[in-house]
PDB file of all heavy atoms in Angstrom:
ATOM      1  N   ALA A   1       5.810   9.791  14.751  1.00  0.00           N
ATOM      2  CA  ALA A   1       6.681  10.773  15.352  1.00  0.00           C
ATOM      3  C   ALA A   1       6.701  11.969  14.552  1.00  0.00           C
ATOM      4  O   ALA A   1       6.459  11.967  13.214  1.00  0.00           O
ATOM      5  CB  ALA A   1       8.051  10.079  15.328  1.00  0.00           C
ATOM      6  N   THR A   2       6.841  13.102  15.210  1.00  0.00           N
ATOM      7  CA  THR A   2       6.784  14.297  14.517  1.00  0.00           C
ATOM      8  C   THR A   2       7.793  14.549  13.453  1.00  0.00           C
ATOM      9  O   THR A   2       7.546  15.148  12.437  1.00  0.00           O
ATOM     10  CB  THR A   2       6.875  15.529  15.475  1.00  0.00           C
ATOM     11  OG1 THR A   2       8.126  15.472  16.166  1.00  0.00           O
ATOM     12  CG2 THR A   2       5.730  15.620  16.472  1.00  0.00           C
ATOM     13  N   SER A   3       8.903  13.805  13.601  1.00  0.00           N
ATOM     14  CA  SER A   3      10.014  13.928  12.675  1.00  0.00           C
ATOM     15  C   SER A   3       9.773  13.244  11.274  1.00  0.00           C
ATOM     16  O   SER A   3      10.537  13.470  10.336  1.00  0.00           O
ATOM     17  CB  SER A   3      11.268  13.284  13.273  1.00  0.00           C
ATOM     18  OG  SER A   3      11.113  12.054  13.717  1.00  0.00           O
ATOM     19  N   VAL A   4       8.693  12.397  11.295  1.00  0.00           N
ATOM     20  CA  VAL A   4       8.397  11.621  10.085  1.00  0.00           C
ATOM     21  C   VAL A   4       7.007  11.901   9.509  1.00  0.00           C
ATOM     22  O   VAL A   4       6.648  11.399   8.351  1.00  0.00           O
ATOM     23  CB  VAL A   4       8.600  10.035  10.200  1.00  0.00           C
ATOM     24  CG1 VAL A   4       9.988   9.763  10.826  1.00  0.00           C
ATOM     25  CG2 VAL A   4       7.455   9.606  11.168  1.00  0.00           C
ATOM     26  N   LYS A   5       6.279  12.686  10.141  1.00  0.00           N
ATOM     27  CA  LYS A   5       4.857  13.151   9.702  1.00  0.00           C
ATOM     28  C   LYS A   5       5.029  13.731   8.364  1.00  0.00           C
ATOM     29  O   LYS A   5       5.848  14.543   8.030  1.00  0.00           O
ATOM     30  CB  LYS A   5       4.229  14.111  10.677  1.00  0.00           C
ATOM     31  CG  LYS A   5       3.759  13.390  11.916  1.00  0.00           C
ATOM     32  CD  LYS A   5       2.908  14.377  12.749  1.00  0.00           C
ATOM     33  CE  LYS A   5       2.431  13.667  14.050  1.00  0.00           C
ATOM     34  NZ  LYS A   5       1.870  14.700  15.017  1.00  0.00           N
ATOM     35  N   GLY A   6       4.135  13.270   7.479  1.00  0.00           N
ATOM     36  CA  GLY A   6       4.156  13.785   6.115  1.00  0.00           C
ATOM     37  C   GLY A   6       5.025  13.104   5.092  1.00  0.00           C
ATOM     38  O   GLY A   6       4.989  13.232   3.966  1.00  0.00           O
ATOM     39  N   ARG A   7       5.906  12.291   5.674  1.00  0.00           N
ATOM     40  CA  ARG A   7       6.910  11.616   4.900  1.00  0.00           C
ATOM     41  C   ARG A   7       6.787  10.125   4.866  1.00  0.00           C
ATOM     42  O   ARG A   7       7.028   9.407   3.872  1.00  0.00           O
ATOM     43  CB  ARG A   7       8.413  11.923   5.241  1.00  0.00           C
ATOM     44  CG  ARG A   7       8.659  13.385   5.162  1.00  0.00           C
ATOM     45  CD  ARG A   7      10.093  13.722   5.372  1.00  0.00           C
ATOM     46  NE  ARG A   7      10.440  13.367   6.778  1.00  0.00           N
ATOM     47  CZ  ARG A   7      11.453  12.463   6.964  1.00  0.00           C
ATOM     48  NH1 ARG A   7      12.136  11.747   6.141  1.00  0.00           N
ATOM     49  NH2 ARG A   7      11.786  12.228   8.222  1.00  0.00           N
ATOM     50  N   PHE A   8       6.411   9.514   6.043  1.00  0.00           N
ATOM     51  CA  PHE A   8       6.181   8.133   6.250  1.00  0.00           C
ATOM     52  C   PHE A   8       4.750   7.734   6.303  1.00  0.00           C
ATOM     53  O   PHE A   8       3.869   8.521   6.871  1.00  0.00           O
ATOM     54  CB  PHE A   8       6.939   7.699   7.453  1.00  0.00           C
ATOM     55  CG  PHE A   8       8.449   7.683   7.476  1.00  0.00           C
ATOM     56  CD1 PHE A   8       9.106   8.337   6.457  1.00  0.00           C
ATOM     57  CD2 PHE A   8       9.234   7.047   8.469  1.00  0.00           C
ATOM     58  CE1 PHE A   8      10.561   8.431   6.490  1.00  0.00           C
ATOM     59  CE2 PHE A   8      10.568   7.068   8.565  1.00  0.00           C
ATOM     60  CZ  PHE A   8      11.194   7.797   7.522  1.00  0.00           C
ATOM     61  N   THR A   9       4.531   6.616   5.851  1.00  0.00           N
ATOM     62  CA  THR A   9       3.135   6.058   5.967  1.00  0.00           C
ATOM     63  C   THR A   9       3.064   4.548   6.391  1.00  0.00           C
ATOM     64  O   THR A   9       3.827   3.777   5.876  1.00  0.00           O
ATOM     65  CB  THR A   9       2.307   6.036   4.624  1.00  0.00           C
ATOM     66  OG1 THR A   9       2.347   7.461   4.008  1.00  0.00           O
ATOM     67  CG2 THR A   9       0.931   5.626   4.682  1.00  0.00           C
ATOM     68  N   ILE A  10       2.421   4.360   7.468  1.00  0.00           N
ATOM     69  CA  ILE A  10       2.374   2.968   8.011  1.00  0.00           C
ATOM     70  C   ILE A  10       1.046   2.378   7.568  1.00  0.00           C
ATOM     71  O   ILE A  10      -0.003   3.011   7.462  1.00  0.00           O
ATOM     72  CB  ILE A  10       2.504   3.009   9.493  1.00  0.00           C
ATOM     73  CG1 ILE A  10       2.621   1.461   9.987  1.00  0.00           C
ATOM     74  CG2 ILE A  10       1.326   3.723  10.263  1.00  0.00           C
ATOM     75  CD1 ILE A  10       3.015   1.394  11.467  1.00  0.00           C
ATOM     76  N   SER A  11       1.029   1.115   7.224  1.00  0.00           N
ATOM     77  CA  SER A  11      -0.199   0.421   6.832  1.00  0.00           C
ATOM     78  C   SER A  11      -0.026  -1.078   7.200  1.00  0.00           C
ATOM     79  O   SER A  11       1.021  -1.575   7.606  1.00  0.00           O
ATOM     80  CB  SER A  11      -0.417   0.554   5.348  1.00  0.00           C
ATOM     81  OG  SER A  11       0.677   0.044   4.599  1.00  0.00           O
ATOM     82  N   ARG A  12      -1.157  -1.773   7.150  1.00  0.00           N
ATOM     83  CA  ARG A  12      -1.169  -3.146   7.580  1.00  0.00           C
ATOM     84  C   ARG A  12      -2.121  -3.941   6.762  1.00  0.00           C
ATOM     85  O   ARG A  12      -3.097  -3.436   6.242  1.00  0.00           O
ATOM     86  CB  ARG A  12      -1.480  -3.416   9.077  1.00  0.00           C
ATOM     87  CG  ARG A  12      -2.948  -2.822   9.426  1.00  0.00           C
ATOM     88  CD  ARG A  12      -3.067  -2.869  11.006  1.00  0.00           C
ATOM     89  NE  ARG A  12      -3.067  -4.136  11.576  1.00  0.00           N
ATOM     90  CZ  ARG A  12      -2.977  -4.482  12.905  1.00  0.00           C
ATOM     91  NH1 ARG A  12      -2.719  -3.402  13.709  1.00  0.00           N
ATOM     92  NH2 ARG A  12      -2.897  -5.737  13.291  1.00  0.00           N
ATOM     93  N   ASP A  13      -1.806  -5.239   6.673  1.00  0.00           N
ATOM     94  CA  ASP A  13      -2.597  -6.109   5.925  1.00  0.00           C
ATOM     95  C   ASP A  13      -2.884  -7.234   6.915  1.00  0.00           C
ATOM     96  O   ASP A  13      -2.104  -8.099   7.113  1.00  0.00           O
ATOM     97  CB  ASP A  13      -1.847  -6.721   4.720  1.00  0.00           C
ATOM     98  CG  ASP A  13      -2.741  -7.596   3.806  1.00  0.00           C
ATOM     99  OD1 ASP A  13      -3.828  -8.179   4.415  1.00  0.00           O
ATOM    100  OD2 ASP A  13      -2.509  -7.858   2.656  1.00  0.00           O
ATOM    101  N   ASN A  14      -4.069  -7.140   7.458  1.00  0.00           N
ATOM    102  CA  ASN A  14      -4.439  -8.155   8.554  1.00  0.00           C
ATOM    103  C   ASN A  14      -4.510  -9.515   8.078  1.00  0.00           C
ATOM    104  O   ASN A  14      -4.189 -10.529   8.845  1.00  0.00           O
ATOM    105  CB  ASN A  14      -5.793  -7.743   9.288  1.00  0.00           C
ATOM    106  CG  ASN A  14      -5.725  -6.481   9.996  1.00  0.00           C
ATOM    107  OD1 ASN A  14      -4.534  -6.145  10.583  1.00  0.00           O
ATOM    108  ND2 ASN A  14      -6.656  -5.650  10.083  1.00  0.00           N
ATOM    109  N   ALA A  15      -4.924  -9.811   6.799  1.00  0.00           N
ATOM    110  CA  ALA A  15      -4.918 -11.137   6.283  1.00  0.00           C
ATOM    111  C   ALA A  15      -3.644 -11.678   6.210  1.00  0.00           C
ATOM    112  O   ALA A  15      -3.537 -13.073   6.290  1.00  0.00           O
ATOM    113  CB  ALA A  15      -5.680 -11.070   4.832  1.00  0.00           C
ATOM    114  N   LYS A  16      -2.614 -10.872   6.003  1.00  0.00           N
ATOM    115  CA  LYS A  16      -1.214 -11.471   5.890  1.00  0.00           C
ATOM    116  C   LYS A  16      -0.500 -11.152   7.196  1.00  0.00           C
ATOM    117  O   LYS A  16       0.762 -11.609   7.256  1.00  0.00           O
ATOM    118  CB  LYS A  16      -0.534 -10.712   4.779  1.00  0.00           C
ATOM    119  CG  LYS A  16      -1.142 -11.024   3.403  1.00  0.00           C
ATOM    120  CD  LYS A  16      -0.407 -10.232   2.287  1.00  0.00           C
ATOM    121  CE  LYS A  16      -0.828 -10.581   0.874  1.00  0.00           C
ATOM    122  NZ  LYS A  16      -0.092  -9.834  -0.181  1.00  0.00           N
ATOM    123  N   ASN A  17      -1.032 -10.620   8.159  1.00  0.00           N
ATOM    124  CA  ASN A  17      -0.363 -10.315   9.474  1.00  0.00           C
ATOM    125  C   ASN A  17       0.991  -9.506   9.025  1.00  0.00           C
ATOM    126  O   ASN A  17       1.972  -9.826   9.653  1.00  0.00           O
ATOM    127  CB  ASN A  17      -0.072 -11.606  10.197  1.00  0.00           C
ATOM    128  CG  ASN A  17      -1.341 -12.190  10.804  1.00  0.00           C
ATOM    129  OD1 ASN A  17      -2.222 -11.370  11.243  1.00  0.00           O
ATOM    130  ND2 ASN A  17      -1.268 -13.446  11.057  1.00  0.00           N
ATOM    131  N   THR A  18       0.935  -8.543   8.301  1.00  0.00           N
ATOM    132  CA  THR A  18       1.988  -7.776   7.756  1.00  0.00           C
ATOM    133  C   THR A  18       1.734  -6.264   8.024  1.00  0.00           C
ATOM    134  O   THR A  18       0.697  -5.820   7.786  1.00  0.00           O
ATOM    135  CB  THR A  18       2.302  -8.142   6.243  1.00  0.00           C
ATOM    136  OG1 THR A  18       2.487  -9.549   6.136  1.00  0.00           O
ATOM    137  CG2 THR A  18       3.460  -7.329   5.854  1.00  0.00           C
ATOM    138  N   VAL A  19       2.868  -5.691   8.378  1.00  0.00           N
ATOM    139  CA  VAL A  19       2.847  -4.172   8.552  1.00  0.00           C
ATOM    140  C   VAL A  19       3.934  -3.612   7.621  1.00  0.00           C
ATOM    141  O   VAL A  19       4.936  -4.171   7.550  1.00  0.00           O
ATOM    142  CB  VAL A  19       3.120  -3.772   9.992  1.00  0.00           C
ATOM    143  CG1 VAL A  19       4.434  -4.264  10.582  1.00  0.00           C
ATOM    144  CG2 VAL A  19       2.886  -2.263  10.160  1.00  0.00           C
ATOM    145  N   TYR A  20       3.566  -2.441   7.082  1.00  0.00           N
ATOM    146  CA  TYR A  20       4.511  -1.919   6.169  1.00  0.00           C
ATOM    147  C   TYR A  20       4.711  -0.461   6.533  1.00  0.00           C
ATOM    148  O   TYR A  20       4.027   0.204   7.336  1.00  0.00           O
ATOM    149  CB  TYR A  20       3.858  -1.740   4.711  1.00  0.00           C
ATOM    150  CG  TYR A  20       3.234  -3.011   4.180  1.00  0.00           C
ATOM    151  CD1 TYR A  20       2.031  -3.483   4.334  1.00  0.00           C
ATOM    152  CD2 TYR A  20       4.160  -3.832   3.430  1.00  0.00           C
ATOM    153  CE1 TYR A  20       1.562  -4.677   3.940  1.00  0.00           C
ATOM    154  CE2 TYR A  20       3.725  -5.107   2.991  1.00  0.00           C
ATOM    155  CZ  TYR A  20       2.368  -5.523   3.170  1.00  0.00           C
ATOM    156  OH  TYR A  20       1.939  -6.679   2.593  1.00  0.00           O
ATOM    157  N   LEU A  21       6.001   0.059   6.165  1.00  0.00           N
ATOM    158  CA  LEU A  21       6.334   1.523   6.425  1.00  0.00           C
ATOM    159  C   LEU A  21       6.849   2.063   5.153  1.00  0.00           C
ATOM    160  O   LEU A  21       8.004   1.637   4.611  1.00  0.00           O
ATOM    161  CB  LEU A  21       7.337   1.551   7.479  1.00  0.00           C
ATOM    162  CG  LEU A  21       7.754   2.994   7.925  1.00  0.00           C
ATOM    163  CD1 LEU A  21       6.487   3.654   8.590  1.00  0.00           C
ATOM    164  CD2 LEU A  21       8.903   2.942   8.820  1.00  0.00           C
ATOM    165  N   GLN A  22       6.069   2.859   4.476  1.00  0.00           N
ATOM    166  CA  GLN A  22       6.528   3.485   3.280  1.00  0.00           C
ATOM    167  C   GLN A  22       7.332   4.747   3.769  1.00  0.00           C
ATOM    168  O   GLN A  22       6.720   5.680   4.327  1.00  0.00           O
ATOM    169  CB  GLN A  22       5.338   3.804   2.358  1.00  0.00           C
ATOM    170  CG  GLN A  22       5.714   4.630   1.172  1.00  0.00           C
ATOM    171  CD  GLN A  22       6.522   3.783   0.106  1.00  0.00           C
ATOM    172  OE1 GLN A  22       6.105   2.661  -0.078  1.00  0.00           O
ATOM    173  NE2 GLN A  22       7.578   4.353  -0.314  1.00  0.00           N
ATOM    174  N   MET A  23       8.500   4.854   3.358  1.00  0.00           N
ATOM    175  CA  MET A  23       9.381   5.995   3.689  1.00  0.00           C
ATOM    176  C   MET A  23       9.788   6.835   2.458  1.00  0.00           C
ATOM    177  O   MET A  23      10.454   6.280   1.481  1.00  0.00           O
ATOM    178  CB  MET A  23      10.667   5.526   4.413  1.00  0.00           C
ATOM    179  CG  MET A  23      10.339   4.629   5.626  1.00  0.00           C
ATOM    180  SD  MET A  23      11.861   4.150   6.552  1.00  0.00           S
ATOM    181  CE  MET A  23      12.644   3.127   5.257  1.00  0.00           C
ATOM    182  N   ASN A  24       9.332   8.110   2.393  1.00  0.00           N
ATOM    183  CA  ASN A  24       9.539   8.925   1.291  1.00  0.00           C
ATOM    184  C   ASN A  24      10.353  10.193   1.765  1.00  0.00           C
ATOM    185  O   ASN A  24      10.373  10.408   3.011  1.00  0.00           O
ATOM    186  CB  ASN A  24       8.244   9.457   0.626  1.00  0.00           C
ATOM    187  CG  ASN A  24       7.462   8.257   0.023  1.00  0.00           C
ATOM    188  OD1 ASN A  24       7.925   7.301  -0.412  1.00  0.00           O
ATOM    189  ND2 ASN A  24       6.141   8.380   0.227  1.00  0.00           N
ATOM    190  N   SER A  25      10.902  10.786   0.836  1.00  0.00           N
ATOM    191  CA  SER A  25      11.730  12.012   1.195  1.00  0.00           C
ATOM    192  C   SER A  25      12.633  11.753   2.282  1.00  0.00           C
ATOM    193  O   SER A  25      12.804  12.500   3.224  1.00  0.00           O
ATOM    194  CB  SER A  25      10.735  13.154   1.419  1.00  0.00           C
ATOM    195  OG  SER A  25       9.916  13.364   0.399  1.00  0.00           O
ATOM    196  N   LEU A  26      13.383  10.697   2.141  1.00  0.00           N
ATOM    197  CA  LEU A  26      14.363  10.319   3.242  1.00  0.00           C
ATOM    198  C   LEU A  26      15.436  11.319   3.534  1.00  0.00           C
ATOM    199  O   LEU A  26      15.838  11.918   2.500  1.00  0.00           O
ATOM    200  CB  LEU A  26      14.961   9.008   2.961  1.00  0.00           C
ATOM    201  CG  LEU A  26      13.967   7.750   3.161  1.00  0.00           C
ATOM    202  CD1 LEU A  26      14.496   6.561   2.430  1.00  0.00           C
ATOM    203  CD2 LEU A  26      13.821   7.517   4.583  1.00  0.00           C
ATOM    204  N   LYS A  27      15.749  11.490   4.775  1.00  0.00           N
ATOM    205  CA  LYS A  27      16.762  12.394   5.228  1.00  0.00           C
ATOM    206  C   LYS A  27      17.927  11.655   5.888  1.00  0.00           C
ATOM    207  O   LYS A  27      17.694  10.514   6.323  1.00  0.00           O
ATOM    208  CB  LYS A  27      16.205  13.429   6.222  1.00  0.00           C
ATOM    209  CG  LYS A  27      14.955  14.223   5.657  1.00  0.00           C
ATOM    210  CD  LYS A  27      14.408  15.164   6.794  1.00  0.00           C
ATOM    211  CE  LYS A  27      13.346  15.988   6.184  1.00  0.00           C
ATOM    212  NZ  LYS A  27      12.682  16.820   7.293  1.00  0.00           N
ATOM    213  N   LEU A  28      19.039  12.394   5.942  1.00  0.00           N
ATOM    214  CA  LEU A  28      20.167  11.749   6.669  1.00  0.00           C
ATOM    215  C   LEU A  28      19.744  11.276   8.026  1.00  0.00           C
ATOM    216  O   LEU A  28      20.259  10.181   8.558  1.00  0.00           O
ATOM    217  CB  LEU A  28      21.396  12.618   6.620  1.00  0.00           C
ATOM    218  CG  LEU A  28      22.489  12.452   5.512  1.00  0.00           C
ATOM    219  CD1 LEU A  28      21.841  12.665   4.227  1.00  0.00           C
ATOM    220  CD2 LEU A  28      23.474  13.354   5.702  1.00  0.00           C
ATOM    221  N   GLU A  29      18.983  12.064   8.723  1.00  0.00           N
ATOM    222  CA  GLU A  29      18.512  11.740  10.072  1.00  0.00           C
ATOM    223  C   GLU A  29      17.729  10.635  10.285  1.00  0.00           C
ATOM    224  O   GLU A  29      17.385  10.183  11.295  1.00  0.00           O
ATOM    225  CB  GLU A  29      17.950  12.993  10.702  1.00  0.00           C
ATOM    226  CG  GLU A  29      16.608  13.340  10.061  1.00  0.00           C
ATOM    227  CD  GLU A  29      16.078  14.808  10.317  1.00  0.00           C
ATOM    228  OE1 GLU A  29      16.806  15.734   9.963  1.00  0.00           O
ATOM    229  OE2 GLU A  29      14.960  14.841  10.968  1.00  0.00           O
ATOM    230  N   ASP A  30      17.172  10.070   9.165  1.00  0.00           N
ATOM    231  CA  ASP A  30      16.421   8.800   9.131  1.00  0.00           C
ATOM    232  C   ASP A  30      17.324   7.514   9.224  1.00  0.00           C
ATOM    233  O   ASP A  30      16.778   6.512   9.473  1.00  0.00           O
ATOM    234  CB  ASP A  30      15.547   8.658   7.976  1.00  0.00           C
ATOM    235  CG  ASP A  30      14.457   9.799   7.886  1.00  0.00           C
ATOM    236  OD1 ASP A  30      13.815  10.192   8.970  1.00  0.00           O
ATOM    237  OD2 ASP A  30      14.260  10.408   6.738  1.00  0.00           O
ATOM    238  N   THR A  31      18.605   7.691   9.113  1.00  0.00           N
ATOM    239  CA  THR A  31      19.464   6.498   9.234  1.00  0.00           C
ATOM    240  C   THR A  31      19.373   5.982  10.537  1.00  0.00           C
ATOM    241  O   THR A  31      19.523   6.559  11.660  1.00  0.00           O
ATOM    242  CB  THR A  31      20.914   7.034   8.944  1.00  0.00           C
ATOM    243  OG1 THR A  31      21.035   7.439   7.604  1.00  0.00           O
ATOM    244  CG2 THR A  31      21.872   5.845   9.263  1.00  0.00           C
ATOM    245  N   ALA A  32      19.023   4.636  10.711  1.00  0.00           N
ATOM    246  CA  ALA A  32      18.768   4.039  11.895  1.00  0.00           C
ATOM    247  C   ALA A  32      18.661   2.530  11.603  1.00  0.00           C
ATOM    248  O   ALA A  32      18.379   2.005  10.486  1.00  0.00           O
ATOM    249  CB  ALA A  32      17.657   4.594  12.637  1.00  0.00           C
ATOM    250  N   VAL A  33      18.644   1.736  12.765  1.00  0.00           N
ATOM    251  CA  VAL A  33      18.085   0.376  12.709  1.00  0.00           C
ATOM    252  C   VAL A  33      16.646   0.505  12.933  1.00  0.00           C
ATOM    253  O   VAL A  33      16.123   1.025  14.010  1.00  0.00           O
ATOM    254  CB  VAL A  33      18.763  -0.566  13.523  1.00  0.00           C
ATOM    255  CG1 VAL A  33      18.197  -1.920  13.571  1.00  0.00           C
ATOM    256  CG2 VAL A  33      20.310  -0.561  13.349  1.00  0.00           C
TER     257      VAL A  33
END
């Protein structure tokens, strides 16, 4: 999403069937479920 570009990074580990979301420089507007 344009609102998170440059701040969030998504990655995956296929061997573990796991997805990650690294969230940096968090803002108040990132508050969510």
